[in-house]
PDB file of N, CA and C in Angstrom:
ATOM      1  N   MET A   1       0.840  -1.178   0.000  1.00  0.00           N
ATOM      2  CA  MET A   1       0.000   0.000   0.000  1.00  0.00           C
ATOM      3  C   MET A   1       0.886   1.243   0.000  1.00  0.00           C
ATOM      4  N   SER A   2       0.451   2.235  -0.738  1.00  0.00           N
ATOM      5  CA  SER A   2       1.279   3.433  -0.858  1.00  0.00           C
ATOM      6  C   SER A   2       1.197   4.294   0.406  1.00  0.00           C
ATOM      7  N   ALA A   3       2.232   5.100   0.585  1.00  0.00           N
ATOM      8  CA  ALA A   3       2.272   6.021   1.728  1.00  0.00           C
ATOM      9  C   ALA A   3       1.113   7.007   1.636  1.00  0.00           C
ATOM     10  N   LYS A   4       0.738   7.364   0.415  1.00  0.00           N
ATOM     11  CA  LYS A   4      -0.359   8.301   0.208  1.00  0.00           C
ATOM     12  C   LYS A   4      -1.672   7.726   0.759  1.00  0.00           C
ATOM     13  N   ILE A   5      -1.920   6.441   0.488  1.00  0.00           N
ATOM     14  CA  ILE A   5      -3.125   5.777   0.989  1.00  0.00           C
ATOM     15  C   ILE A   5      -3.059   5.664   2.510  1.00  0.00           C
ATOM     16  N   ASP A   6      -1.898   5.305   3.041  1.00  0.00           N
ATOM     17  CA  ASP A   6      -1.738   5.209   4.499  1.00  0.00           C
ATOM     18  C   ASP A   6      -2.045   6.547   5.166  1.00  0.00           C
ATOM     19  N   ASP A   7      -1.528   7.643   4.589  1.00  0.00           N
ATOM     20  CA  ASP A   7      -1.770   8.976   5.138  1.00  0.00           C
ATOM     21  C   ASP A   7      -3.262   9.298   5.108  1.00  0.00           C
ATOM     22  N   LEU A   8      -3.907   8.984   3.990  1.00  0.00           N
ATOM     23  CA  LEU A   8      -5.334   9.257   3.872  1.00  0.00           C
ATOM     24  C   LEU A   8      -6.114   8.404   4.875  1.00  0.00           C
ATOM     25  N   LYS A   9      -5.768   7.124   5.007  1.00  0.00           N
ATOM     26  CA  LYS A   9      -6.470   6.254   5.958  1.00  0.00           C
ATOM     27  C   LYS A   9      -6.345   6.794   7.384  1.00  0.00           C
ATOM     28  N   THR A  10      -5.166   7.280   7.737  1.00  0.00           N
ATOM     29  CA  THR A  10      -4.956   7.841   9.068  1.00  0.00           C
ATOM     30  C   THR A  10      -5.877   9.038   9.274  1.00  0.00           C
ATOM     31  N   ARG A  11      -5.944   9.914   8.282  1.00  0.00           N
ATOM     32  CA  ARG A  11      -6.822  11.087   8.377  1.00  0.00           C
ATOM     33  C   ARG A  11      -8.296  10.674   8.434  1.00  0.00           C
ATOM     34  N   LEU A  12      -8.659   9.683   7.601  1.00  0.00           N
ATOM     35  CA  LEU A  12     -10.055   9.255   7.555  1.00  0.00           C
ATOM     36  C   LEU A  12     -10.489   8.619   8.867  1.00  0.00           C
ATOM     37  N   SER A  13      -9.573   7.956   9.538  1.00  0.00           N
ATOM     38  CA  SER A  13      -9.935   7.301  10.801  1.00  0.00           C
ATOM     39  C   SER A  13     -10.348   8.329  11.861  1.00  0.00           C
ATOM     40  N   ARG A  14      -9.953   9.586  11.660  1.00  0.00           N
ATOM     41  CA  ARG A  14     -10.298  10.643  12.623  1.00  0.00           C
ATOM     42  C   ARG A  14     -11.363  11.604  12.096  1.00  0.00           C
ATOM     43  N   ALA A  15     -11.823  11.410  10.874  1.00  0.00           N
ATOM     44  CA  ALA A  15     -12.744  12.368  10.242  1.00  0.00           C
ATOM     45  C   ALA A  15     -14.186  11.860  10.234  1.00  0.00           C
ATOM     46  N   ASN A  16     -15.113  12.803  10.247  1.00  0.00           N
ATOM     47  CA  ASN A  16     -16.531  12.459  10.101  1.00  0.00           C
ATOM     48  C   ASN A  16     -17.048  12.803   8.713  1.00  0.00           C
ATOM     49  N   GLU A  17     -16.302  13.649   8.016  1.00  0.00           N
ATOM     50  CA  GLU A  17     -16.731  14.108   6.702  1.00  0.00           C
ATOM     51  C   GLU A  17     -15.513  14.229   5.803  1.00  0.00           C
ATOM     52  N   ILE A  18     -15.710  13.924   4.518  1.00  0.00           N
ATOM     53  CA  ILE A  18     -14.640  14.077   3.529  1.00  0.00           C
ATOM     54  C   ILE A  18     -15.204  14.874   2.358  1.00  0.00           C
ATOM     55  N   ASN A  19     -14.320  15.284   1.479  1.00  0.00           N
ATOM     56  CA  ASN A  19     -14.749  15.880   0.224  1.00  0.00           C
ATOM     57  C   ASN A  19     -14.469  14.891  -0.891  1.00  0.00           C
ATOM     58  N   ILE A  20     -15.465  14.694  -1.742  1.00  0.00           N
ATOM     59  CA  ILE A  20     -15.226  13.896  -2.938  1.00  0.00           C
ATOM     60  C   ILE A  20     -15.307  14.838  -4.131  1.00  0.00           C
ATOM     61  N   SER A  21     -14.452  14.588  -5.104  1.00  0.00           N
ATOM     62  CA  SER A  21     -14.466  15.369  -6.341  1.00  0.00           C
ATOM     63  C   SER A  21     -14.767  14.417  -7.488  1.00  0.00           C
ATOM     64  N   VAL A  22     -15.792  14.765  -8.247  1.00  0.00           N
ATOM     65  CA  VAL A  22     -16.219  13.958  -9.386  1.00  0.00           C
ATOM     66  C   VAL A  22     -16.256  14.835 -10.625  1.00  0.00           C
ATOM     67  N   THR A  23     -16.309  14.197 -11.785  1.00  0.00           N
ATOM     68  CA  THR A  23     -16.405  14.935 -13.039  1.00  0.00           C
ATOM     69  C   THR A  23     -17.871  15.022 -13.439  1.00  0.00           C
ATOM     70  N   GLY A  24     -18.338  16.244 -13.682  1.00  0.00           N
ATOM     71  CA  GLY A  24     -19.728  16.451 -14.082  1.00  0.00           C
ATOM     72  C   GLY A  24     -20.040  15.723 -15.374  1.00  0.00           C
ATOM     73  N   ARG A  25     -21.133  14.968 -15.397  1.00  0.00           N
ATOM     74  CA  ARG A  25     -21.466  14.161 -16.572  1.00  0.00           C
ATOM     75  C   ARG A  25     -21.880  15.007 -17.763  1.00  0.00           C
ATOM     76  N   LYS A  26     -22.356  16.221 -17.515  1.00  0.00           N
ATOM     77  CA  LYS A  26     -22.750  17.115 -18.608  1.00  0.00           C
ATOM     78  C   LYS A  26     -21.708  18.200 -18.822  1.00  0.00           C
ATOM     79  N   SER A  27     -21.239  18.809 -17.729  1.00  0.00           N
ATOM     80  CA  SER A  27     -20.326  19.953 -17.838  1.00  0.00           C
ATOM     81  C   SER A  27     -18.876  19.531 -18.069  1.00  0.00           C
ATOM     82  N   GLY A  28     -18.513  18.326 -17.593  1.00  0.00           N
ATOM     83  CA  GLY A  28     -17.117  17.893 -17.685  1.00  0.00           C
ATOM     84  C   GLY A  28     -16.232  18.572 -16.655  1.00  0.00           C
ATOM     85  N   ARG A  29     -16.825  19.426 -15.806  1.00  0.00           N
ATOM     86  CA  ARG A  29     -16.054  20.135 -14.788  1.00  0.00           C
ATOM     87  C   ARG A  29     -15.944  19.302 -13.521  1.00  0.00           C
ATOM     88  N   THR A  30     -14.913  19.580 -12.740  1.00  0.00           N
ATOM     89  CA  THR A  30     -14.739  18.913 -11.456  1.00  0.00           C
ATOM     90  C   THR A  30     -15.683  19.537 -10.442  1.00  0.00           C
ATOM     91  N   ILE A  31     -16.420  18.687  -9.758  1.00  0.00           N
ATOM     92  CA  ILE A  31     -17.387  19.126  -8.762  1.00  0.00           C
ATOM     93  C   ILE A  31     -16.981  18.499  -7.433  1.00  0.00           C
ATOM     94  N   SER A  32     -16.861  19.332  -6.405  1.00  0.00           N
ATOM     95  CA  SER A  32     -16.456  18.852  -5.086  1.00  0.00           C
ATOM     96  C   SER A  32     -17.639  18.932  -4.126  1.00  0.00           C
ATOM     97  N   VAL A  33     -17.854  17.853  -3.372  1.00  0.00           N
ATOM     98  CA  VAL A  33     -19.007  17.749  -2.482  1.00  0.00           C
ATOM     99  C   VAL A  33     -18.568  17.171  -1.136  1.00  0.00           C
ATOM    100  N   PRO A  34     -18.988  17.777  -0.020  1.00  0.00           N
ATOM    101  CA  PRO A  34     -18.710  17.163   1.283  1.00  0.00           C
ATOM    102  C   PRO A  34     -19.699  16.018   1.530  1.00  0.00           C
ATOM    103  N   VAL A  35     -19.192  14.880   1.986  1.00  0.00           N
ATOM    104  CA  VAL A  35     -20.057  13.716   2.239  1.00  0.00           C
ATOM    105  C   VAL A  35     -19.625  12.987   3.509  1.00  0.00           C
ATOM    106  N   TRP A  36     -20.546  12.220   4.055  1.00  0.00           N
ATOM    107  CA  TRP A  36     -20.223  11.288   5.125  1.00  0.00           C
ATOM    108  C   TRP A  36     -19.688  10.019   4.479  1.00  0.00           C
ATOM    109  N   PHE A  37     -18.989   9.215   5.237  1.00  0.00           N
ATOM    110  CA  PHE A  37     -18.364   8.007   4.703  1.00  0.00           C
ATOM    111  C   PHE A  37     -18.121   7.011   5.835  1.00  0.00           C
ATOM    112  N   VAL A  38     -17.823   5.776   5.446  1.00  0.00           N
ATOM    113  CA  VAL A  38     -17.368   4.759   6.392  1.00  0.00           C
ATOM    114  C   VAL A  38     -16.114   4.141   5.796  1.00  0.00           C
ATOM    115  N   LEU A  39     -15.057   4.095   6.588  1.00  0.00           N
ATOM    116  CA  LEU A  39     -13.814   3.448   6.169  1.00  0.00           C
ATOM    117  C   LEU A  39     -13.950   1.966   6.474  1.00  0.00           C
ATOM    118  N   ASP A  40     -13.786   1.128   5.459  1.00  0.00           N
ATOM    119  CA  ASP A  40     -13.935  -0.316   5.600  1.00  0.00           C
ATOM    120  C   ASP A  40     -12.706  -0.981   4.981  1.00  0.00           C
ATOM    121  N   GLY A  41     -11.693  -1.224   5.817  1.00  0.00           N
ATOM    122  CA  GLY A  41     -10.426  -1.752   5.287  1.00  0.00           C
ATOM    123  C   GLY A  41      -9.763  -0.692   4.433  1.00  0.00           C
ATOM    124  N   ASN A  42      -9.450  -1.037   3.175  1.00  0.00           N
ATOM    125  CA  ASN A  42      -8.843  -0.082   2.243  1.00  0.00           C
ATOM    126  C   ASN A  42      -9.885   0.591   1.359  1.00  0.00           C
ATOM    127  N   GLN A  43     -11.146   0.347   1.662  1.00  0.00           N
ATOM    128  CA  GLN A  43     -12.203   0.920   0.849  1.00  0.00           C
ATOM    129  C   GLN A  43     -12.961   1.983   1.636  1.00  0.00           C
ATOM    130  N   VAL A  44     -13.517   2.920   0.894  1.00  0.00           N
ATOM    131  CA  VAL A  44     -14.337   3.962   1.486  1.00  0.00           C
ATOM    132  C   VAL A  44     -15.758   3.730   0.989  1.00  0.00           C
ATOM    133  N   LEU A  45     -16.673   3.575   1.928  1.00  0.00           N
ATOM    134  CA  LEU A  45     -18.078   3.367   1.575  1.00  0.00           C
ATOM    135  C   LEU A  45     -18.804   4.702   1.594  1.00  0.00           C
ATOM    136  N   LEU A  46     -19.581   4.937   0.549  1.00  0.00           N
ATOM    137  CA  LEU A  46     -20.328   6.184   0.406  1.00  0.00           C
ATOM    138  C   LEU A  46     -21.803   5.856   0.227  1.00  0.00           C
ATOM    139  N   LEU A  47     -22.641   6.687   0.814  1.00  0.00           N
ATOM    140  CA  LEU A  47     -24.085   6.507   0.716  1.00  0.00           C
ATOM    141  C   LEU A  47     -24.678   7.828   0.210  1.00  0.00           C
ATOM    142  N   PRO A  48     -25.126   7.863  -1.045  1.00  0.00           N
ATOM    143  CA  PRO A  48     -25.699   9.110  -1.571  1.00  0.00           C
ATOM    144  C   PRO A  48     -26.956   9.500  -0.802  1.00  0.00           C
ATOM    145  N   VAL A  49     -27.052  10.764  -0.383  1.00  0.00           N
ATOM    146  CA  VAL A  49     -28.162  11.197   0.482  1.00  0.00           C
ATOM    147  C   VAL A  49     -29.536  11.048  -0.182  1.00  0.00           C
ATOM    148  N   SER A  50     -29.609  11.177  -1.485  1.00  0.00           N
ATOM    149  CA  SER A  50     -30.880  11.000  -2.199  1.00  0.00           C
ATOM    150  C   SER A  50     -30.847   9.740  -3.058  1.00  0.00           C
ATOM    151  N   GLY A  51     -30.019   8.784  -2.642  1.00  0.00           N
ATOM    152  CA  GLY A  51     -29.923   7.528  -3.376  1.00  0.00           C
ATOM    153  C   GLY A  51     -29.545   7.740  -4.831  1.00  0.00           C
ATOM    154  N   SER A  52     -30.198   6.993  -5.709  1.00  0.00           N
ATOM    155  CA  SER A  52     -29.866   7.046  -7.140  1.00  0.00           C
ATOM    156  C   SER A  52     -30.218   8.386  -7.780  1.00  0.00           C
ATOM    157  N   ASP A  53     -30.928   9.258  -7.069  1.00  0.00           N
ATOM    158  CA  ASP A  53     -31.237  10.600  -7.586  1.00  0.00           C
ATOM    159  C   ASP A  53     -30.137  11.613  -7.275  1.00  0.00           C
ATOM    160  N   THR A  54     -29.157  11.233  -6.474  1.00  0.00           N
ATOM    161  CA  THR A  54     -28.080  12.134  -6.066  1.00  0.00           C
ATOM    162  C   THR A  54     -27.196  12.466  -7.272  1.00  0.00           C
ATOM    163  N   GLN A  55     -26.917  13.777  -7.452  1.00  0.00           N
ATOM    164  CA  GLN A  55     -26.171  14.213  -8.626  1.00  0.00           C
ATOM    165  C   GLN A  55     -24.762  13.619  -8.696  1.00  0.00           C
ATOM    166  N   TRP A  56     -24.014  13.613  -7.589  1.00  0.00           N
ATOM    167  CA  TRP A  56     -22.655  13.070  -7.676  1.00  0.00           C
ATOM    168  C   TRP A  56     -22.676  11.579  -8.009  1.00  0.00           C
ATOM    169  N   TYR A  57     -23.720  10.877  -7.562  1.00  0.00           N
ATOM    170  CA  TYR A  57     -23.849   9.449  -7.894  1.00  0.00           C
ATOM    171  C   TYR A  57     -24.057   9.278  -9.404  1.00  0.00           C
ATOM    172  N   LYS A  58     -24.922  10.089  -9.967  1.00  0.00           N
ATOM    173  CA  LYS A  58     -25.163  10.029 -11.416  1.00  0.00           C
ATOM    174  C   LYS A  58     -23.865  10.322 -12.180  1.00  0.00           C
ATOM    175  N   ASN A  59     -23.052  11.238 -11.632  1.00  0.00           N
ATOM    176  CA  ASN A  59     -21.783  11.575 -12.282  1.00  0.00           C
ATOM    177  C   ASN A  59     -20.806  10.404 -12.267  1.00  0.00           C
ATOM    178  N   VAL A  60     -20.705   9.684 -11.134  1.00  0.00           N
ATOM    179  CA  VAL A  60     -19.739   8.570 -11.088  1.00  0.00           C
ATOM    180  C   VAL A  60     -20.207   7.383 -11.917  1.00  0.00           C
ATOM    181  N   LEU A  61     -21.497   7.303 -12.224  1.00  0.00           N
ATOM    182  CA  LEU A  61     -21.951   6.251 -13.136  1.00  0.00           C
ATOM    183  C   LEU A  61     -21.375   6.482 -14.526  1.00  0.00           C
ATOM    184  N   LYS A  62     -21.248   7.758 -14.894  1.00  0.00           N
ATOM    185  CA  LYS A  62     -20.696   8.092 -16.217  1.00  0.00           C
ATOM    186  C   LYS A  62     -19.172   8.084 -16.206  1.00  0.00           C
ATOM    187  N   ASN A  63     -18.557   8.589 -15.132  1.00  0.00           N
ATOM    188  CA  ASN A  63     -17.100   8.621 -15.010  1.00  0.00           C
ATOM    189  C   ASN A  63     -16.746   8.180 -13.591  1.00  0.00           C
ATOM    190  N   PRO A  64     -16.348   6.905 -13.417  1.00  0.00           N
ATOM    191  CA  PRO A  64     -16.162   6.353 -12.075  1.00  0.00           C
ATOM    192  C   PRO A  64     -14.915   6.833 -11.319  1.00  0.00           C
ATOM    193  N   SER A  65     -14.126   7.679 -11.933  1.00  0.00           N
ATOM    194  CA  SER A  65     -12.939   8.186 -11.246  1.00  0.00           C
ATOM    195  C   SER A  65     -13.355   9.282 -10.272  1.00  0.00           C
ATOM    196  N   LEU A  66     -12.887   9.182  -9.014  1.00  0.00           N
ATOM    197  CA  LEU A  66     -13.175  10.248  -8.067  1.00  0.00           C
ATOM    198  C   LEU A  66     -11.982  10.462  -7.156  1.00  0.00           C
ATOM    199  N   GLN A  67     -11.900  11.647  -6.605  1.00  0.00           N
ATOM    200  CA  GLN A  67     -10.842  11.968  -5.652  1.00  0.00           C
ATOM    201  C   GLN A  67     -11.469  12.141  -4.289  1.00  0.00           C
ATOM    202  N   ILE A  68     -10.774  11.617  -3.291  1.00  0.00           N
ATOM    203  CA  ILE A  68     -11.216  11.803  -1.917  1.00  0.00           C
ATOM    204  C   ILE A  68     -10.158  12.622  -1.213  1.00  0.00           C
ATOM    205  N   SER A  69     -10.613  13.667  -0.527  1.00  0.00           N
ATOM    206  CA  SER A  69      -9.656  14.481   0.218  1.00  0.00           C
ATOM    207  C   SER A  69     -10.136  14.675   1.643  1.00  0.00           C
ATOM    208  N   SER A  70      -9.142  14.659   2.517  1.00  0.00           N
ATOM    209  CA  SER A  70      -9.368  14.924   3.933  1.00  0.00           C
ATOM    210  C   SER A  70      -8.158  15.703   4.398  1.00  0.00           C
ATOM    211  N   GLY A  71      -8.377  16.958   4.783  1.00  0.00           N
ATOM    212  CA  GLY A  71      -7.229  17.811   5.098  1.00  0.00           C
ATOM    213  C   GLY A  71      -6.415  18.009   3.837  1.00  0.00           C
ATOM    214  N   SER A  72      -5.095  17.816   3.933  1.00  0.00           N
ATOM    215  CA  SER A  72      -4.248  17.995   2.748  1.00  0.00           C
ATOM    216  C   SER A  72      -4.036  16.682   1.989  1.00  0.00           C
ATOM    217  N   ALA A  73      -4.549  15.566   2.510  1.00  0.00           N
ATOM    218  CA  ALA A  73      -4.417  14.274   1.818  1.00  0.00           C
ATOM    219  C   ALA A  73      -5.484  14.186   0.727  1.00  0.00           C
ATOM    220  N   ASN A  74      -5.067  13.793  -0.461  1.00  0.00           N
ATOM    221  CA  ASN A  74      -5.947  13.741  -1.615  1.00  0.00           C
ATOM    222  C   ASN A  74      -5.545  12.519  -2.439  1.00  0.00           C
ATOM    223  N   THR A  75      -6.473  11.584  -2.648  1.00  0.00           N
ATOM    224  CA  THR A  75      -6.133  10.336  -3.325  1.00  0.00           C
ATOM    225  C   THR A  75      -7.187   9.977  -4.359  1.00  0.00           C
ATOM    226  N   GLU A  76      -6.731   9.380  -5.462  1.00  0.00           N
ATOM    227  CA  GLU A  76      -7.620   8.923  -6.536  1.00  0.00           C
ATOM    228  C   GLU A  76      -8.257   7.586  -6.166  1.00  0.00           C
ATOM    229  N   PHE A  77      -9.538   7.461  -6.431  1.00  0.00           N
ATOM    230  CA  PHE A  77     -10.268   6.226  -6.195  1.00  0.00           C
ATOM    231  C   PHE A  77     -11.110   5.894  -7.424  1.00  0.00           C
ATOM    232  N   MET A  78     -11.539   4.651  -7.500  1.00  0.00           N
ATOM    233  CA  MET A  78     -12.462   4.205  -8.540  1.00  0.00           C
ATOM    234  C   MET A  78     -13.785   3.893  -7.841  1.00  0.00           C
ATOM    235  N   ALA A  79     -14.855   4.511  -8.301  1.00  0.00           N
ATOM    236  CA  ALA A  79     -16.176   4.314  -7.704  1.00  0.00           C
ATOM    237  C   ALA A  79     -16.855   3.099  -8.319  1.00  0.00           C
ATOM    238  N   LEU A  80     -17.277   2.194  -7.453  1.00  0.00           N
ATOM    239  CA  LEU A  80     -18.004   1.010  -7.906  1.00  0.00           C
ATOM    240  C   LEU A  80     -19.403   1.056  -7.294  1.00  0.00           C
ATOM    241  N   PRO A  81     -20.433   1.211  -8.132  1.00  0.00           N
ATOM    242  CA  PRO A  81     -21.801   1.305  -7.608  1.00  0.00           C
ATOM    243  C   PRO A  81     -22.234  -0.008  -6.948  1.00  0.00           C
ATOM    244  N   ILE A  82     -22.990   0.111  -5.895  1.00  0.00           N
ATOM    245  CA  ILE A  82     -23.597  -1.033  -5.216  1.00  0.00           C
ATOM    246  C   ILE A  82     -25.103  -0.862  -5.382  1.00  0.00           C
ATOM    247  N   THR A  83     -25.756  -1.840  -6.007  1.00  0.00           N
ATOM    248  CA  THR A  83     -27.192  -1.702  -6.266  1.00  0.00           C
ATOM    249  C   THR A  83     -28.020  -2.835  -5.655  1.00  0.00           C
ATOM    250  N   GLY A  84     -27.385  -3.896  -5.192  1.00  0.00           N
ATOM    251  CA  GLY A  84     -28.118  -4.998  -4.572  1.00  0.00           C
ATOM    252  C   GLY A  84     -28.690  -4.558  -3.231  1.00  0.00           C
ATOM    253  N   ALA A  85     -29.973  -4.852  -2.993  1.00  0.00           N
ATOM    254  CA  ALA A  85     -30.658  -4.395  -1.780  1.00  0.00           C
ATOM    255  C   ALA A  85     -29.932  -4.840  -0.506  1.00  0.00           C
ATOM    256  N   LYS A  86     -29.459  -6.073  -0.478  1.00  0.00           N
ATOM    257  CA  LYS A  86     -28.786  -6.597   0.706  1.00  0.00           C
ATOM    258  C   LYS A  86     -27.475  -5.856   0.966  1.00  0.00           C
ATOM    259  N   GLU A  87     -26.703  -5.611  -0.103  1.00  0.00           N
ATOM    260  CA  GLU A  87     -25.421  -4.913   0.019  1.00  0.00           C
ATOM    261  C   GLU A  87     -25.624  -3.460   0.425  1.00  0.00           C
ATOM    262  N   VAL A  88     -26.624  -2.795  -0.150  1.00  0.00           N
ATOM    263  CA  VAL A  88     -26.924  -1.396   0.208  1.00  0.00           C
ATOM    264  C   VAL A  88     -27.347  -1.331   1.674  1.00  0.00           C
ATOM    265  N   ALA A  89     -28.157  -2.285   2.123  1.00  0.00           N
ATOM    266  CA  ALA A  89     -28.604  -2.327   3.518  1.00  0.00           C
ATOM    267  C   ALA A  89     -27.409  -2.487   4.457  1.00  0.00           C
ATOM    268  N   SER A  90     -26.429  -3.282   4.039  1.00  0.00           N
ATOM    269  CA  SER A  90     -25.222  -3.486   4.843  1.00  0.00           C
ATOM    270  C   SER A  90     -24.441  -2.179   4.994  1.00  0.00           C
ATOM    271  N   VAL A  91     -24.308  -1.429   3.901  1.00  0.00           N
ATOM    272  CA  VAL A  91     -23.622  -0.130   3.949  1.00  0.00           C
ATOM    273  C   VAL A  91     -24.411   0.828   4.844  1.00  0.00           C
ATOM    274  N   ALA A  92     -25.722   0.866   4.687  1.00  0.00           N
ATOM    275  CA  ALA A  92     -26.561   1.748   5.506  1.00  0.00           C
ATOM    276  C   ALA A  92     -26.401   1.412   6.990  1.00  0.00           C
ATOM    277  N   ASP A  93     -26.313   0.123   7.317  1.00  0.00           N
ATOM    278  CA  ASP A  93     -26.108  -0.287   8.714  1.00  0.00           C
ATOM    279  C   ASP A  93     -24.778   0.231   9.256  1.00  0.00           C
ATOM    280  N   LYS A  94     -23.743   0.210   8.417  1.00  0.00           N
ATOM    281  CA  LYS A  94     -22.435   0.729   8.842  1.00  0.00           C
ATOM    282  C   LYS A  94     -22.503   2.247   9.076  1.00  0.00           C
ATOM    283  N   PHE A  95     -23.279   2.940   8.253  1.00  0.00           N
ATOM    284  CA  PHE A  95     -23.488   4.380   8.447  1.00  0.00           C
ATOM    285  C   PHE A  95     -24.237   4.645   9.751  1.00  0.00           C
ATOM    286  N   ARG A  96     -25.264   3.815  10.028  1.00  0.00           N
ATOM    287  CA  ARG A  96     -26.025   3.976  11.275  1.00  0.00           C
ATOM    288  C   ARG A  96     -25.123   3.762  12.489  1.00  0.00           C
ATOM    289  N   LYS A  97     -24.239   2.794  12.381  1.00  0.00           N
ATOM    290  CA  LYS A  97     -23.322   2.500  13.496  1.00  0.00           C
ATOM    291  C   LYS A  97     -22.370   3.672  13.742  1.00  0.00           C
ATOM    292  N   LYS A  98     -21.893   4.299  12.665  1.00  0.00           N
ATOM    293  CA  LYS A  98     -20.939   5.399  12.802  1.00  0.00           C
ATOM    294  C   LYS A  98     -21.623   6.715  13.186  1.00  0.00           C
ATOM    295  N   TYR A  99     -22.735   7.030  12.535  1.00  0.00           N
ATOM    296  CA  TYR A  99     -23.350   8.356  12.694  1.00  0.00           C
ATOM    297  C   TYR A  99     -24.614   8.370  13.547  1.00  0.00           C
ATOM    298  N   GLY A 100     -25.154   7.201  13.837  1.00  0.00           N
ATOM    299  CA  GLY A 100     -26.404   7.130  14.600  1.00  0.00           C
ATOM    300  C   GLY A 100     -27.594   6.961  13.681  1.00  0.00           C
ATOM    301  N   ALA A 101     -28.503   6.071  14.061  1.00  0.00           N
ATOM    302  CA  ALA A 101     -29.671   5.763  13.229  1.00  0.00           C
ATOM    303  C   ALA A 101     -30.535   6.998  12.982  1.00  0.00           C
ATOM    304  N   GLY A 102     -30.669   7.857  14.005  1.00  0.00           N
ATOM    305  CA  GLY A 102     -31.504   9.053  13.857  1.00  0.00           C
ATOM    306  C   GLY A 102     -30.999   9.990  12.781  1.00  0.00           C
ATOM    307  N   ASP A 103     -29.685  10.237  12.760  1.00  0.00           N
ATOM    308  CA  ASP A 103     -29.136  11.152  11.755  1.00  0.00           C
ATOM    309  C   ASP A 103     -29.186  10.547  10.357  1.00  0.00           C
ATOM    310  N   VAL A 104     -28.962   9.249  10.243  1.00  0.00           N
ATOM    311  CA  VAL A 104     -29.053   8.615   8.921  1.00  0.00           C
ATOM    312  C   VAL A 104     -30.492   8.721   8.415  1.00  0.00           C
ATOM    313  N   LYS A 105     -31.444   8.463   9.288  1.00  0.00           N
ATOM    314  CA  LYS A 105     -32.863   8.569   8.899  1.00  0.00           C
ATOM    315  C   LYS A 105     -33.214  10.007   8.516  1.00  0.00           C
ATOM    316  N   LYS A 106     -32.661  10.969   9.253  1.00  0.00           N
ATOM    317  CA  LYS A 106     -32.953  12.382   9.034  1.00  0.00           C
ATOM    318  C   LYS A 106     -32.379  12.903   7.709  1.00  0.00           C
ATOM    319  N   TYR A 107     -31.152  12.496   7.375  1.00  0.00           N
ATOM    320  CA  TYR A 107     -30.461  13.071   6.214  1.00  0.00           C
ATOM    321  C   TYR A 107     -30.528  12.236   4.940  1.00  0.00           C
ATOM    322  N   TYR A 108     -30.756  10.953   5.052  1.00  0.00           N
ATOM    323  CA  TYR A 108     -30.750  10.076   3.873  1.00  0.00           C
ATOM    324  C   TYR A 108     -32.178   9.704   3.500  1.00  0.00           C
ATOM    325  N   SER A 109     -32.663  10.271   2.383  1.00  0.00           N
ATOM    326  CA  SER A 109     -34.061  10.118   2.021  1.00  0.00           C
ATOM    327  C   SER A 109     -34.346   8.858   1.208  1.00  0.00           C
ATOM    328  N   LYS A 110     -33.327   8.288   0.582  1.00  0.00           N
ATOM    329  CA  LYS A 110     -33.549   7.142  -0.297  1.00  0.00           C
ATOM    330  C   LYS A 110     -32.334   6.220  -0.191  1.00  0.00           C
ATOM    331  N   LEU A 111     -32.572   4.978   0.198  1.00  0.00           N
ATOM    332  CA  LEU A 111     -31.460   4.033   0.387  1.00  0.00           C
ATOM    333  C   LEU A 111     -31.521   2.920  -0.652  1.00  0.00           C
ATOM    334  N   ASP A 112     -31.400   3.295  -1.937  1.00  0.00           N
ATOM    335  CA  ASP A 112     -31.478   2.281  -2.994  1.00  0.00           C
ATOM    336  C   ASP A 112     -30.125   1.960  -3.629  1.00  0.00           C
ATOM    337  N   VAL A 113     -29.112   2.778  -3.365  1.00  0.00           N
ATOM    338  CA  VAL A 113     -27.773   2.532  -3.911  1.00  0.00           C
ATOM    339  C   VAL A 113     -26.722   2.979  -2.899  1.00  0.00           C
ATOM    340  N   ALA A 114     -25.504   2.488  -3.108  1.00  0.00           N
ATOM    341  CA  ALA A 114     -24.342   2.925  -2.335  1.00  0.00           C
ATOM    342  C   ALA A 114     -23.159   2.864  -3.288  1.00  0.00           C
ATOM    343  N   VAL A 115     -21.996   3.301  -2.799  1.00  0.00           N
ATOM    344  CA  VAL A 115     -20.792   3.281  -3.625  1.00  0.00           C
ATOM    345  C   VAL A 115     -19.632   2.798  -2.772  1.00  0.00           C
ATOM    346  N   VAL A 116     -18.819   1.926  -3.344  1.00  0.00           N
ATOM    347  CA  VAL A 116     -17.560   1.588  -2.712  1.00  0.00           C
ATOM    348  C   VAL A 116     -16.469   2.261  -3.533  1.00  0.00           C
ATOM    349  N   ALA A 117     -15.643   3.030  -2.867  1.00  0.00           N
ATOM    350  CA  ALA A 117     -14.525   3.703  -3.533  1.00  0.00           C
ATOM    351  C   ALA A 117     -13.277   2.886  -3.233  1.00  0.00           C
ATOM    352  N   ALA A 118     -12.695   2.310  -4.267  1.00  0.00           N
ATOM    353  CA  ALA A 118     -11.522   1.474  -4.122  1.00  0.00           C
ATOM    354  C   ALA A 118     -10.301   2.264  -4.591  1.00  0.00           C
ATOM    355  N   ALA A 119      -9.237   2.224  -3.811  1.00  0.00           N
ATOM    356  CA  ALA A 119      -8.007   2.941  -4.173  1.00  0.00           C
ATOM    357  C   ALA A 119      -7.481   2.408  -5.490  1.00  0.00           C
ATOM    358  N   ARG A 120      -6.972   3.319  -6.313  1.00  0.00           N
ATOM    359  CA  ARG A 120      -6.427   2.920  -7.622  1.00  0.00           C
ATOM    360  C   ARG A 120      -4.991   2.504  -7.481  1.00  0.00           C
TER     361      ARG A 120
END
């Protein structure tokens, strides 16, 4: 594993929010969005707040390359959509464990998809 990934993992272990940067599917511009996440081994699990209607999710379907930054650490990842109900439920459970069931219920309106960001 690269030192860059190790540095990012260290930062992520202490963070509640990260910034993801994706390429706009229509504009082609880089769009940066603050999101909640769960660190799972070397992967970062993401749960779009509006599920499959979330704009950044639609963008990674077209261009799966994304950058995750926390503080000054910035690393390239490949976004892999998760669409199976059982797998999405598992990610949602991990979010509930980290952030609390009440906040997940309050902020996440649709739990039909998730994303695993795998280091490149």
